[in-house]
Amino acid sequence: WARTSPTERPLPADAAHELRTPLSALNLRLQGARFSGIIDWPAIEREVGEMSRLVDQLMDLARKESLSYQDRITGLPPINLSRVVREAAAMVVPLIEAQGRRLDVEAPDVATVRGRADDLRDVVRNLLDNALVHGRGRVTVRVRPPVAPSQQLRIEVSDEGDGVPVGQEETVVERFRKLKADSPGSGLGLAIVRQVVRGHGGDARFFPRRGCIVISLPVTSQF
């Protein structure tokens, strides 16, 4: 039910690998404090906070991977995805305004899918945060209903940045992968997005050379 890249390691292996570096850095800092008698509490608190956020994200990803195996789309309640998208957009308005940028939302009154509203709201919020941190200019989120019965509903989140280079559309959504090693974040956000979407029977993909990611989801006529 959940699809995994053949090169992607099991989550425990990834978690151990990613936690090893910050733990080693914290250990060195504490050893230095022991010998010097000088404790840099702000730095220690910052590093502990970063590890705490990473652990929270890992636990969230593990939960969503488990859900994608246990649940089936038919067992999920119908929700109005347009409302979910607008709620997620409202959450980032203060950040948009603080950066002097613009956020546009284009969605029909009702777009019905089966799913977990909280998880899908987190998906859209995560994508908007990603556009704010790594993109530039105006951010647009669109909900596009299918034009044919065989098609899926789409959510598009785009900005005016350079986007993802050709050939890295899949790599960028793998765990702990970032286009720039020194960019903020742990590299887990997009992996969580893809896991949630695949758990809902859809998928997530970037358009190359465009600051645009597309989420596809099965639709339902019940609401």
Protein backbone atom coordinates (compact mmCIF):
# COMPACT_ATOMS: atom_id res chain seq x y z
CA TRP A 1 0.00 0.00 0.00
CA ALA A 2 2.81 2.41 0.81
CA ARG A 3 5.49 2.54 -1.84
CA THR A 4 9.15 2.77 -0.90
CA SER A 5 12.11 3.65 -3.07
CA PRO A 6 14.45 0.65 -3.51
CA THR A 7 17.31 2.87 -2.31
CA GLU A 8 15.45 4.14 0.74
CA ARG A 9 16.57 2.55 4.00
CA PRO A 10 14.19 1.43 6.74
CA LEU A 11 13.10 4.29 8.99
CA PRO A 12 15.03 3.08 12.10
CA ALA A 13 18.27 3.07 10.10
CA ASP A 14 17.62 6.58 8.80
CA ALA A 15 16.69 7.80 12.28
CA ALA A 16 19.86 6.39 13.84
CA HIS A 17 22.02 7.88 11.09
CA GLU A 18 20.51 11.37 11.36
CA LEU A 19 20.55 11.48 15.16
CA ARG A 20 24.17 10.39 15.41
CA THR A 21 25.60 13.72 14.22
CA PRO A 22 23.69 16.09 16.55
CA LEU A 23 24.24 13.72 19.47
CA SER A 24 27.98 13.67 18.78
CA ALA A 25 28.07 17.46 18.57
CA LEU A 26 26.18 17.79 21.84
CA ASN A 27 28.50 15.29 23.52
CA LEU A 28 31.57 17.25 22.40
CA ARG A 29 30.05 20.47 23.70
CA LEU A 30 29.34 18.88 27.10
CA GLN A 31 32.85 17.42 27.26
CA GLY A 32 34.27 20.86 26.53
CA ALA A 33 32.13 22.37 29.27
CA ARG A 34 33.39 19.77 31.73
CA PHE A 35 37.03 20.66 31.11
CA SER A 36 36.63 24.43 30.77
CA GLY A 37 33.97 24.98 33.39
CA ILE A 38 32.12 27.21 30.90
CA ILE A 39 28.66 26.05 29.83
CA ASP A 40 27.13 27.57 26.71
CA TRP A 41 23.50 27.05 27.72
CA PRO A 42 21.92 28.83 24.68
CA ALA A 43 23.86 26.57 22.30
CA ILE A 44 22.99 23.43 24.28
CA GLU A 45 19.31 24.39 24.42
CA ARG A 46 19.33 25.07 20.66
CA GLU A 47 20.87 21.69 19.84
CA VAL A 48 18.51 19.83 22.18
CA GLY A 49 15.58 21.67 20.58
CA GLU A 50 16.73 20.64 17.09
CA MET A 51 17.00 17.00 18.16
CA SER A 52 13.56 17.19 19.78
CA ARG A 53 12.03 18.53 16.56
CA LEU A 54 13.74 15.78 14.56
CA VAL A 55 12.42 13.09 16.91
CA ASP A 56 8.90 14.56 16.67
CA GLN A 57 9.08 14.46 12.87
CA LEU A 58 10.39 10.89 12.88
CA MET A 59 7.57 9.78 15.17
CA ASP A 60 5.05 11.54 12.94
CA LEU A 61 6.46 9.87 9.84
CA ALA A 62 6.44 6.44 11.51
CA ARG A 63 2.80 6.94 12.53
CA LYS A 64 1.79 7.92 9.03
CA GLU A 65 3.67 5.02 7.46
CA SER A 66 1.81 2.68 9.82
CA LEU A 67 -1.54 4.28 8.95
CA SER A 68 -0.92 3.90 5.25
CA TYR A 69 -0.65 0.14 5.73
CA GLN A 70 -3.58 -0.22 8.14
CA ASP A 71 -6.20 2.02 6.55
CA ARG A 72 -8.03 1.80 3.27
CA ILE A 73 -9.52 4.74 1.42
CA THR A 74 -13.02 3.31 1.62
CA GLY A 75 -12.78 3.32 5.40
CA LEU A 76 -11.97 7.02 5.60
CA PRO A 77 -14.69 9.70 5.96
CA PRO A 78 -15.50 12.12 3.10
CA ILE A 79 -14.12 15.61 3.70
CA ASN A 80 -14.23 18.95 1.87
CA LEU A 81 -10.65 19.37 0.69
CA SER A 82 -11.27 22.98 -0.33
CA ARG A 83 -12.05 23.83 3.29
CA VAL A 84 -8.94 21.97 4.48
CA VAL A 85 -6.78 23.93 2.02
CA ARG A 86 -8.25 27.28 3.09
CA GLU A 87 -7.68 26.43 6.75
CA ALA A 88 -4.03 25.55 6.06
CA ALA A 89 -3.57 28.77 4.09
CA ALA A 90 -5.04 30.84 6.94
CA MET A 91 -2.42 29.37 9.29
CA VAL A 92 0.49 30.79 7.25
CA VAL A 93 -0.96 34.26 6.60
CA PRO A 94 1.09 35.85 9.44
CA LEU A 95 4.29 34.38 7.97
CA ILE A 96 3.34 35.56 4.47
CA GLU A 97 2.69 39.08 5.73
CA ALA A 98 5.92 39.13 7.77
CA GLN A 99 7.89 38.40 4.58
CA GLY A 100 5.97 40.96 2.54
CA ARG A 101 4.80 38.27 0.16
CA ARG A 102 1.42 37.30 -1.27
CA LEU A 103 -0.65 34.13 -0.95
CA ASP A 104 -3.43 33.30 -3.42
CA VAL A 105 -5.91 30.46 -2.93
CA GLU A 106 -7.98 29.15 -5.84
CA ALA A 107 -10.47 26.44 -4.90
CA PRO A 108 -14.09 25.51 -5.63
CA ASP A 109 -16.59 25.68 -2.79
CA VAL A 110 -16.58 21.89 -2.46
CA ALA A 111 -14.00 19.30 -3.51
CA THR A 112 -14.69 15.97 -1.83
CA VAL A 113 -12.14 13.28 -1.05
CA ARG A 114 -11.96 10.51 1.52
CA GLY A 115 -9.27 11.17 4.08
CA ARG A 116 -8.00 12.36 7.43
CA ALA A 117 -8.56 16.12 7.50
CA ASP A 118 -5.81 16.77 10.06
CA ASP A 119 -3.18 14.92 8.04
CA LEU A 120 -4.15 16.57 4.75
CA ARG A 121 -4.17 19.98 6.45
CA ASP A 122 -0.63 19.24 7.63
CA VAL A 123 0.31 18.33 4.04
CA VAL A 124 -0.82 21.68 2.66
CA ARG A 125 0.70 23.61 5.57
CA ASN A 126 4.00 21.77 5.04
CA LEU A 127 4.02 22.63 1.34
CA LEU A 128 3.24 26.28 2.03
CA ASP A 129 6.02 26.43 4.62
CA ASN A 130 8.35 24.86 2.06
CA ALA A 131 7.45 27.53 -0.50
CA LEU A 132 8.04 30.27 2.07
CA VAL A 133 11.44 28.96 3.16
CA HIS A 134 12.86 27.71 -0.14
CA GLY A 135 10.89 29.63 -2.77
CA ARG A 136 10.32 33.29 -3.50
CA GLY A 137 7.67 35.72 -4.66
CA ARG A 138 3.96 35.01 -4.70
CA VAL A 139 2.74 31.66 -3.40
CA THR A 140 -0.33 30.10 -4.99
CA VAL A 141 -2.31 27.05 -3.90
CA ARG A 142 -4.92 25.68 -6.29
CA VAL A 143 -7.46 22.89 -5.93
CA ARG A 144 -8.26 21.49 -9.37
CA PRO A 145 -11.21 19.08 -9.64
CA PRO A 146 -10.89 16.34 -12.27
CA VAL A 147 -12.26 17.11 -15.74
CA ALA A 148 -12.85 13.42 -16.53
CA PRO A 149 -14.09 10.51 -14.36
CA SER A 150 -10.79 8.68 -14.70
CA GLN A 151 -8.73 11.60 -13.40
CA GLN A 152 -7.81 12.54 -9.84
CA LEU A 153 -8.27 15.77 -7.94
CA ARG A 154 -5.12 17.89 -7.78
CA ILE A 155 -3.63 20.35 -5.33
CA GLU A 156 -0.92 22.57 -6.77
CA VAL A 157 1.35 24.65 -4.55
CA SER A 158 3.65 26.97 -6.47
CA ASP A 159 5.88 29.99 -6.03
CA GLU A 160 8.05 32.12 -8.30
CA GLY A 161 11.36 30.49 -7.41
CA ASP A 162 13.63 28.34 -9.59
CA GLY A 163 12.12 25.09 -8.35
CA VAL A 164 13.70 21.64 -8.51
CA PRO A 165 16.44 20.87 -11.07
CA VAL A 166 15.74 18.27 -13.73
CA GLY A 167 16.49 14.78 -12.47
CA GLN A 168 16.00 15.61 -8.79
CA GLU A 169 12.19 15.56 -8.70
CA GLU A 170 12.16 12.21 -6.89
CA THR A 171 15.29 12.70 -4.81
CA VAL A 172 13.99 15.85 -3.13
CA VAL A 173 11.04 14.02 -1.55
CA GLU A 174 13.17 11.24 -0.04
CA ARG A 175 13.90 11.27 3.70
CA PHE A 176 16.58 13.73 4.85
CA ARG A 177 17.22 14.96 1.31
CA LYS A 178 17.69 18.69 0.71
CA LEU A 179 18.69 20.52 -2.47
CA LYS A 180 21.12 22.57 -0.39
CA ALA A 181 22.85 20.94 2.56
CA ASP A 182 22.94 24.21 4.51
CA SER A 183 19.26 25.04 4.03
CA PRO A 184 17.03 25.04 7.13
CA GLY A 185 15.02 21.99 8.16
CA SER A 186 15.73 18.29 8.54
CA GLY A 187 14.73 17.16 5.05
CA LEU A 188 11.76 15.20 6.42
CA GLY A 189 8.88 17.52 5.54
CA LEU A 190 8.39 16.45 1.93
CA ALA A 191 8.88 12.77 2.83
CA ILE A 192 6.00 13.12 5.31
CA VAL A 193 3.91 14.84 2.64
CA ARG A 194 4.44 12.02 0.18
CA GLN A 195 3.73 9.35 2.79
CA VAL A 196 0.42 10.96 3.77
CA VAL A 197 -0.67 11.41 0.16
CA ARG A 198 0.22 7.84 -0.79
CA GLY A 199 -1.66 6.66 2.27
CA HIS A 200 -4.71 8.37 0.75
CA GLY A 201 -4.26 6.58 -2.58
CA GLY A 202 -2.57 9.49 -4.34
CA ASP A 203 0.92 10.74 -5.06
CA ALA A 204 3.14 13.83 -4.94
CA ARG A 205 5.54 15.06 -7.61
CA PHE A 206 7.47 18.18 -8.51
CA PHE A 207 7.51 19.86 -11.88
CA PRO A 208 11.17 20.24 -12.90
CA ARG A 209 12.55 23.79 -13.17
CA ARG A 210 9.37 25.18 -11.66
CA GLY A 211 8.59 26.02 -8.06
CA CYS A 212 5.53 23.78 -8.17
CA ILE A 213 4.53 20.53 -6.49
CA VAL A 214 1.37 18.65 -7.46
CA ILE A 215 -0.63 16.42 -5.13
CA SER A 216 -3.10 14.02 -6.74
CA LEU A 217 -5.93 12.37 -4.76
CA PRO A 218 -8.88 10.12 -5.63
CA VAL A 219 -12.23 11.91 -5.51
CA THR A 220 -15.58 10.83 -4.10
CA SER A 221 -19.05 12.14 -4.88
CA GLN A 222 -20.29 11.64 -1.32
CA PHE A 223 -20.40 14.52 1.09
